[in-house]
Amino acid sequence: MGSKEILSQAIELKPEERFIIVEGLLKSLDEPDKKLDKIWVEEAEERLIAYRTGKLEGIPMEEIFKSK
């Protein structure tokens, strides 16, 4: 069943049933993505190693946030 059919059927539900569906969908969007978290941890570790070994230069915070 496609999303259009699901939506069509959901619209026919009672308001309180629709609320439960909407609440569940919104909650599912807030759940952390463990795969994505793992990718970011690996990226951060690689950048830290590169910085510590001199392969990556840091940028002073003042330079990043200076107004143009």
PDB file of N, CA and C in Angstrom:
ATOM      1  N   MET A   1       0.843  -1.168   0.000  1.00  0.00           N
ATOM      2  CA  MET A   1       0.000   0.000   0.000  1.00  0.00           C
ATOM      3  C   MET A   1       0.895   1.239   0.000  1.00  0.00           C
ATOM      4  N   GLY A   2       0.578   2.197  -0.848  1.00  0.00           N
ATOM      5  CA  GLY A   2       1.373   3.408  -0.954  1.00  0.00           C
ATOM      6  C   GLY A   2       0.952   4.474   0.039  1.00  0.00           C
ATOM      7  N   SER A   3       1.754   5.513   0.123  1.00  0.00           N
ATOM      8  CA  SER A   3       1.489   6.580   1.083  1.00  0.00           C
ATOM      9  C   SER A   3       0.174   7.311   0.803  1.00  0.00           C
ATOM     10  N   LYS A   4      -0.187   7.460  -0.470  1.00  0.00           N
ATOM     11  CA  LYS A   4      -1.450   8.133  -0.794  1.00  0.00           C
ATOM     12  C   LYS A   4      -2.644   7.327  -0.300  1.00  0.00           C
ATOM     13  N   GLU A   5      -2.550   6.003  -0.438  1.00  0.00           N
ATOM     14  CA  GLU A   5      -3.646   5.151   0.033  1.00  0.00           C
ATOM     15  C   GLU A   5      -3.725   5.157   1.559  1.00  0.00           C
ATOM     16  N   ILE A   6      -2.571   5.154   2.207  1.00  0.00           N
ATOM     17  CA  ILE A   6      -2.550   5.199   3.668  1.00  0.00           C
ATOM     18  C   ILE A   6      -3.164   6.508   4.148  1.00  0.00           C
ATOM     19  N   LEU A   7      -2.778   7.608   3.533  1.00  0.00           N
ATOM     20  CA  LEU A   7      -3.324   8.906   3.907  1.00  0.00           C
ATOM     21  C   LEU A   7      -4.826   8.947   3.686  1.00  0.00           C
ATOM     22  N   SER A   8      -5.273   8.430   2.568  1.00  0.00           N
ATOM     23  CA  SER A   8      -6.699   8.406   2.257  1.00  0.00           C
ATOM     24  C   SER A   8      -7.481   7.638   3.319  1.00  0.00           C
ATOM     25  N   GLN A   9      -6.938   6.515   3.746  1.00  0.00           N
ATOM     26  CA  GLN A   9      -7.608   5.725   4.782  1.00  0.00           C
ATOM     27  C   GLN A   9      -7.524   6.414   6.140  1.00  0.00           C
ATOM     28  N   ALA A  10      -6.391   7.039   6.443  1.00  0.00           N
ATOM     29  CA  ALA A  10      -6.217   7.707   7.728  1.00  0.00           C
ATOM     30  C   ALA A  10      -7.184   8.873   7.886  1.00  0.00           C
ATOM     31  N   ILE A  11      -7.452   9.575   6.802  1.00  0.00           N
ATOM     32  CA  ILE A  11      -8.374  10.719   6.846  1.00  0.00           C
ATOM     33  C   ILE A  11      -9.778  10.269   7.247  1.00  0.00           C
ATOM     34  N   GLU A  12     -10.102   9.038   6.967  1.00  0.00           N
ATOM     35  CA  GLU A  12     -11.431   8.514   7.292  1.00  0.00           C
ATOM     36  C   GLU A  12     -11.576   8.134   8.770  1.00  0.00           C
ATOM     37  N   LEU A  13     -10.475   8.107   9.510  1.00  0.00           N
ATOM     38  CA  LEU A  13     -10.522   7.725  10.914  1.00  0.00           C
ATOM     39  C   LEU A  13     -11.120   8.830  11.775  1.00  0.00           C
ATOM     40  N   LYS A  14     -11.505   8.459  12.993  1.00  0.00           N
ATOM     41  CA  LYS A  14     -11.992   9.436  13.969  1.00  0.00           C
ATOM     42  C   LYS A  14     -10.828  10.351  14.342  1.00  0.00           C
ATOM     43  N   PRO A  15     -11.121  11.603  14.736  1.00  0.00           N
ATOM     44  CA  PRO A  15     -10.044  12.542  15.080  1.00  0.00           C
ATOM     45  C   PRO A  15      -9.049  11.987  16.109  1.00  0.00           C
ATOM     46  N   GLU A  16      -9.546  11.309  17.146  1.00  0.00           N
ATOM     47  CA  GLU A  16      -8.619  10.796  18.159  1.00  0.00           C
ATOM     48  C   GLU A  16      -7.729   9.688  17.593  1.00  0.00           C
ATOM     49  N   GLU A  17      -8.221   8.922  16.633  1.00  0.00           N
ATOM     50  CA  GLU A  17      -7.396   7.893  15.992  1.00  0.00           C
ATOM     51  C   GLU A  17      -6.353   8.535  15.087  1.00  0.00           C
ATOM     52  N   ARG A  18      -6.748   9.590  14.404  1.00  0.00           N
ATOM     53  CA  ARG A  18      -5.788  10.314  13.554  1.00  0.00           C
ATOM     54  C   ARG A  18      -4.690  10.927  14.411  1.00  0.00           C
ATOM     55  N   PHE A  19      -5.081  11.447  15.579  1.00  0.00           N
ATOM     56  CA  PHE A  19      -4.100  12.047  16.482  1.00  0.00           C
ATOM     57  C   PHE A  19      -3.056  11.011  16.898  1.00  0.00           C
ATOM     58  N   ILE A  20      -3.498   9.793  17.213  1.00  0.00           N
ATOM     59  CA  ILE A  20      -2.572   8.728  17.613  1.00  0.00           C
ATOM     60  C   ILE A  20      -1.588   8.439  16.485  1.00  0.00           C
ATOM     61  N   ILE A  21      -2.071   8.413  15.260  1.00  0.00           N
ATOM     62  CA  ILE A  21      -1.196   8.156  14.108  1.00  0.00           C
ATOM     63  C   ILE A  21      -0.193   9.297  13.930  1.00  0.00           C
ATOM     64  N   VAL A  22      -0.679  10.529  13.991  1.00  0.00           N
ATOM     65  CA  VAL A  22       0.209  11.691  13.828  1.00  0.00           C
ATOM     66  C   VAL A  22       1.257  11.709  14.928  1.00  0.00           C
ATOM     67  N   GLU A  23       0.829  11.470  16.146  1.00  0.00           N
ATOM     68  CA  GLU A  23       1.762  11.462  17.275  1.00  0.00           C
ATOM     69  C   GLU A  23       2.823  10.377  17.094  1.00  0.00           C
ATOM     70  N   GLY A  24       2.408   9.201  16.649  1.00  0.00           N
ATOM     71  CA  GLY A  24       3.357   8.116  16.416  1.00  0.00           C
ATOM     72  C   GLY A  24       4.346   8.430  15.309  1.00  0.00           C
ATOM     73  N   LEU A  25       3.870   9.055  14.242  1.00  0.00           N
ATOM     74  CA  LEU A  25       4.761   9.424  13.136  1.00  0.00           C
ATOM     75  C   LEU A  25       5.782  10.468  13.570  1.00  0.00           C
ATOM     76  N   LEU A  26       5.312  11.479  14.295  1.00  0.00           N
ATOM     77  CA  LEU A  26       6.234  12.518  14.769  1.00  0.00           C
ATOM     78  C   LEU A  26       7.270  11.939  15.723  1.00  0.00           C
ATOM     79  N   LYS A  27       6.832  11.059  16.606  1.00  0.00           N
ATOM     80  CA  LYS A  27       7.758  10.429  17.548  1.00  0.00           C
ATOM     81  C   LYS A  27       8.812   9.623  16.793  1.00  0.00           C
ATOM     82  N   SER A  28       8.411   8.945  15.734  1.00  0.00           N
ATOM     83  CA  SER A  28       9.360   8.130  14.976  1.00  0.00           C
ATOM     84  C   SER A  28      10.434   8.985  14.306  1.00  0.00           C
ATOM     85  N   LEU A  29      10.124  10.247  14.013  1.00  0.00           N
ATOM     86  CA  LEU A  29      11.106  11.136  13.394  1.00  0.00           C
ATOM     87  C   LEU A  29      12.130  11.637  14.403  1.00  0.00           C
ATOM     88  N   ASP A  30      11.765  11.624  15.690  1.00  0.00           N
ATOM     89  CA  ASP A  30      12.662  12.107  16.730  1.00  0.00           C
ATOM     90  C   ASP A  30      13.620  11.048  17.252  1.00  0.00           C
ATOM     91  N   GLU A  31      13.424   9.799  16.880  1.00  0.00           N
ATOM     92  CA  GLU A  31      14.279   8.735  17.377  1.00  0.00           C
ATOM     93  C   GLU A  31      15.656   8.828  16.735  1.00  0.00           C
ATOM     94  N   PRO A  32      16.697   8.628  17.542  1.00  0.00           N
ATOM     95  CA  PRO A  32      18.051   8.697  16.979  1.00  0.00           C
ATOM     96  C   PRO A  32      18.299   7.589  15.962  1.00  0.00           C
ATOM     97  N   ASP A  33      19.093   7.898  14.988  1.00  0.00           N
ATOM     98  CA  ASP A  33      19.472   6.932  13.961  1.00  0.00           C
ATOM     99  C   ASP A  33      20.854   6.398  14.325  1.00  0.00           C
ATOM    100  N   LYS A  34      20.916   5.170  14.807  1.00  0.00           N
ATOM    101  CA  LYS A  34      22.180   4.603  15.284  1.00  0.00           C
ATOM    102  C   LYS A  34      23.227   4.501  14.178  1.00  0.00           C
ATOM    103  N   LYS A  35      22.795   4.234  12.957  1.00  0.00           N
ATOM    104  CA  LYS A  35      23.746   4.161  11.840  1.00  0.00           C
ATOM    105  C   LYS A  35      24.380   5.531  11.596  1.00  0.00           C
ATOM    106  N   LEU A  36      23.540   6.566  11.609  1.00  0.00           N
ATOM    107  CA  LEU A  36      24.039   7.919  11.388  1.00  0.00           C
ATOM    108  C   LEU A  36      24.940   8.358  12.536  1.00  0.00           C
ATOM    109  N   ASP A  37      24.552   8.035  13.766  1.00  0.00           N
ATOM    110  CA  ASP A  37      25.398   8.365  14.916  1.00  0.00           C
ATOM    111  C   ASP A  37      26.772   7.708  14.788  1.00  0.00           C
ATOM    112  N   LYS A  38      26.804   6.453  14.347  1.00  0.00           N
ATOM    113  CA  LYS A  38      28.071   5.733  14.183  1.00  0.00           C
ATOM    114  C   LYS A  38      28.944   6.410  13.125  1.00  0.00           C
ATOM    115  N   ILE A  39      28.333   6.835  12.032  1.00  0.00           N
ATOM    116  CA  ILE A  39      29.080   7.517  10.964  1.00  0.00           C
ATOM    117  C   ILE A  39      29.702   8.806  11.492  1.00  0.00           C
ATOM    118  N   TRP A  40      28.929   9.582  12.275  1.00  0.00           N
ATOM    119  CA  TRP A  40      29.447  10.842  12.814  1.00  0.00           C
ATOM    120  C   TRP A  40      30.568  10.601  13.827  1.00  0.00           C
ATOM    121  N   VAL A  41      30.457   9.566  14.645  1.00  0.00           N
ATOM    122  CA  VAL A  41      31.520   9.240  15.603  1.00  0.00           C
ATOM    123  C   VAL A  41      32.800   8.896  14.850  1.00  0.00           C
ATOM    124  N   GLU A  42      32.692   8.079  13.818  1.00  0.00           N
ATOM    125  CA  GLU A  42      33.862   7.706  13.026  1.00  0.00           C
ATOM    126  C   GLU A  42      34.491   8.933  12.364  1.00  0.00           C
ATOM    127  N   GLU A  43      33.649   9.811  11.830  1.00  0.00           N
ATOM    128  CA  GLU A  43      34.155  11.038  11.184  1.00  0.00           C
ATOM    129  C   GLU A  43      34.881  11.918  12.193  1.00  0.00           C
ATOM    130  N   ALA A  44      34.288  12.087  13.369  1.00  0.00           N
ATOM    131  CA  ALA A  44      34.909  12.922  14.400  1.00  0.00           C
ATOM    132  C   ALA A  44      36.255  12.345  14.836  1.00  0.00           C
ATOM    133  N   GLU A  45      36.313  11.033  15.006  1.00  0.00           N
ATOM    134  CA  GLU A  45      37.564  10.392  15.401  1.00  0.00           C
ATOM    135  C   GLU A  45      38.633  10.563  14.325  1.00  0.00           C
ATOM    136  N   GLU A  46      38.246  10.406  13.066  1.00  0.00           N
ATOM    137  CA  GLU A  46      39.203  10.586  11.967  1.00  0.00           C
ATOM    138  C   GLU A  46      39.722  12.018  11.918  1.00  0.00           C
ATOM    139  N   ARG A  47      38.836  12.979  12.120  1.00  0.00           N
ATOM    140  CA  ARG A  47      39.264  14.382  12.112  1.00  0.00           C
ATOM    141  C   ARG A  47      40.195  14.684  13.285  1.00  0.00           C
ATOM    142  N   LEU A  48      39.901  14.131  14.465  1.00  0.00           N
ATOM    143  CA  LEU A  48      40.749  14.359  15.630  1.00  0.00           C
ATOM    144  C   LEU A  48      42.135  13.770  15.394  1.00  0.00           C
ATOM    145  N   ILE A  49      42.201  12.580  14.865  1.00  0.00           N
ATOM    146  CA  ILE A  49      43.491  11.955  14.567  1.00  0.00           C
ATOM    147  C   ILE A  49      44.253  12.790  13.537  1.00  0.00           C
ATOM    148  N   ALA A  50      43.574  13.232  12.498  1.00  0.00           N
ATOM    149  CA  ALA A  50      44.217  14.062  11.467  1.00  0.00           C
ATOM    150  C   ALA A  50      44.738  15.360  12.067  1.00  0.00           C
ATOM    151  N   TYR A  51      43.987  15.966  12.969  1.00  0.00           N
ATOM    152  CA  TYR A  51      44.415  17.214  13.616  1.00  0.00           C
ATOM    153  C   TYR A  51      45.642  16.954  14.490  1.00  0.00           C
ATOM    154  N   ARG A  52      45.592  15.899  15.285  1.00  0.00           N
ATOM    155  CA  ARG A  52      46.693  15.598  16.208  1.00  0.00           C
ATOM    156  C   ARG A  52      47.975  15.193  15.485  1.00  0.00           C
ATOM    157  N   THR A  53      47.847  14.624  14.300  1.00  0.00           N
ATOM    158  CA  THR A  53      49.038  14.215  13.543  1.00  0.00           C
ATOM    159  C   THR A  53      49.510  15.305  12.580  1.00  0.00           C
ATOM    160  N   GLY A  54      48.837  16.443  12.570  1.00  0.00           N
ATOM    161  CA  GLY A  54      49.260  17.561  11.733  1.00  0.00           C
ATOM    162  C   GLY A  54      48.768  17.495  10.302  1.00  0.00           C
ATOM    163  N   LYS A  55      47.894  16.568   9.991  1.00  0.00           N
ATOM    164  CA  LYS A  55      47.361  16.449   8.633  1.00  0.00           C
ATOM    165  C   LYS A  55      46.180  17.383   8.401  1.00  0.00           C
ATOM    166  N   LEU A  56      45.676  17.957   9.478  1.00  0.00           N
ATOM    167  CA  LEU A  56      44.522  18.849   9.395  1.00  0.00           C
ATOM    168  C   LEU A  56      44.776  20.034  10.304  1.00  0.00           C
ATOM    169  N   GLU A  57      44.601  21.233   9.773  1.00  0.00           N
ATOM    170  CA  GLU A  57      44.802  22.437  10.575  1.00  0.00           C
ATOM    171  C   GLU A  57      43.484  22.899  11.170  1.00  0.00           C
ATOM    172  N   GLY A  58      43.587  23.420  12.366  1.00  0.00           N
ATOM    173  CA  GLY A  58      42.409  23.984  13.008  1.00  0.00           C
ATOM    174  C   GLY A  58      42.217  25.436  12.578  1.00  0.00           C
ATOM    175  N   ILE A  59      41.005  25.928  12.767  1.00  0.00           N
ATOM    176  CA  ILE A  59      40.698  27.327  12.478  1.00  0.00           C
ATOM    177  C   ILE A  59      40.299  27.969  13.798  1.00  0.00           C
ATOM    178  N   PRO A  60      40.933  29.095  14.156  1.00  0.00           N
ATOM    179  CA  PRO A  60      40.570  29.740  15.418  1.00  0.00           C
ATOM    180  C   PRO A  60      39.084  30.123  15.447  1.00  0.00           C
ATOM    181  N   MET A  61      38.474  29.944  16.605  1.00  0.00           N
ATOM    182  CA  MET A  61      37.062  30.226  16.752  1.00  0.00           C
ATOM    183  C   MET A  61      36.746  31.685  16.390  1.00  0.00           C
ATOM    184  N   GLU A  62      37.625  32.587  16.746  1.00  0.00           N
ATOM    185  CA  GLU A  62      37.401  34.000  16.444  1.00  0.00           C
ATOM    186  C   GLU A  62      37.284  34.226  14.936  1.00  0.00           C
ATOM    187  N   GLU A  63      38.070  33.496  14.165  1.00  0.00           N
ATOM    188  CA  GLU A  63      38.021  33.630  12.718  1.00  0.00           C
ATOM    189  C   GLU A  63      36.719  33.090  12.155  1.00  0.00           C
ATOM    190  N   ILE A  64      36.248  32.018  12.715  1.00  0.00           N
ATOM    191  CA  ILE A  64      34.996  31.408  12.244  1.00  0.00           C
ATOM    192  C   ILE A  64      33.811  32.321  12.499  1.00  0.00           C
ATOM    193  N   PHE A  65      33.792  32.947  13.698  1.00  0.00           N
ATOM    194  CA  PHE A  65      32.626  33.739  14.089  1.00  0.00           C
ATOM    195  C   PHE A  65      32.773  35.245  13.871  1.00  0.00           C
ATOM    196  N   LYS A  66      33.873  35.674  13.251  1.00  0.00           N
ATOM    197  CA  LYS A  66      34.023  37.120  13.033  1.00  0.00           C
ATOM    198  C   LYS A  66      32.974  37.622  12.043  1.00  0.00           C
ATOM    199  N   SER A  67      32.479  38.790  12.290  1.00  0.00           N
ATOM    200  CA  SER A  67      31.471  39.371  11.395  1.00  0.00           C
ATOM    201  C   SER A  67      32.147  39.939  10.166  1.00  0.00           C
ATOM    202  N   LYS A  68      31.428  39.881   9.088  1.00  0.00           N
ATOM    203  CA  LYS A  68      32.004  40.344   7.814  1.00  0.00           C
ATOM    204  C   LYS A  68      31.517  41.728   7.513  1.00  0.00           C
TER     205      LYS A  68
END
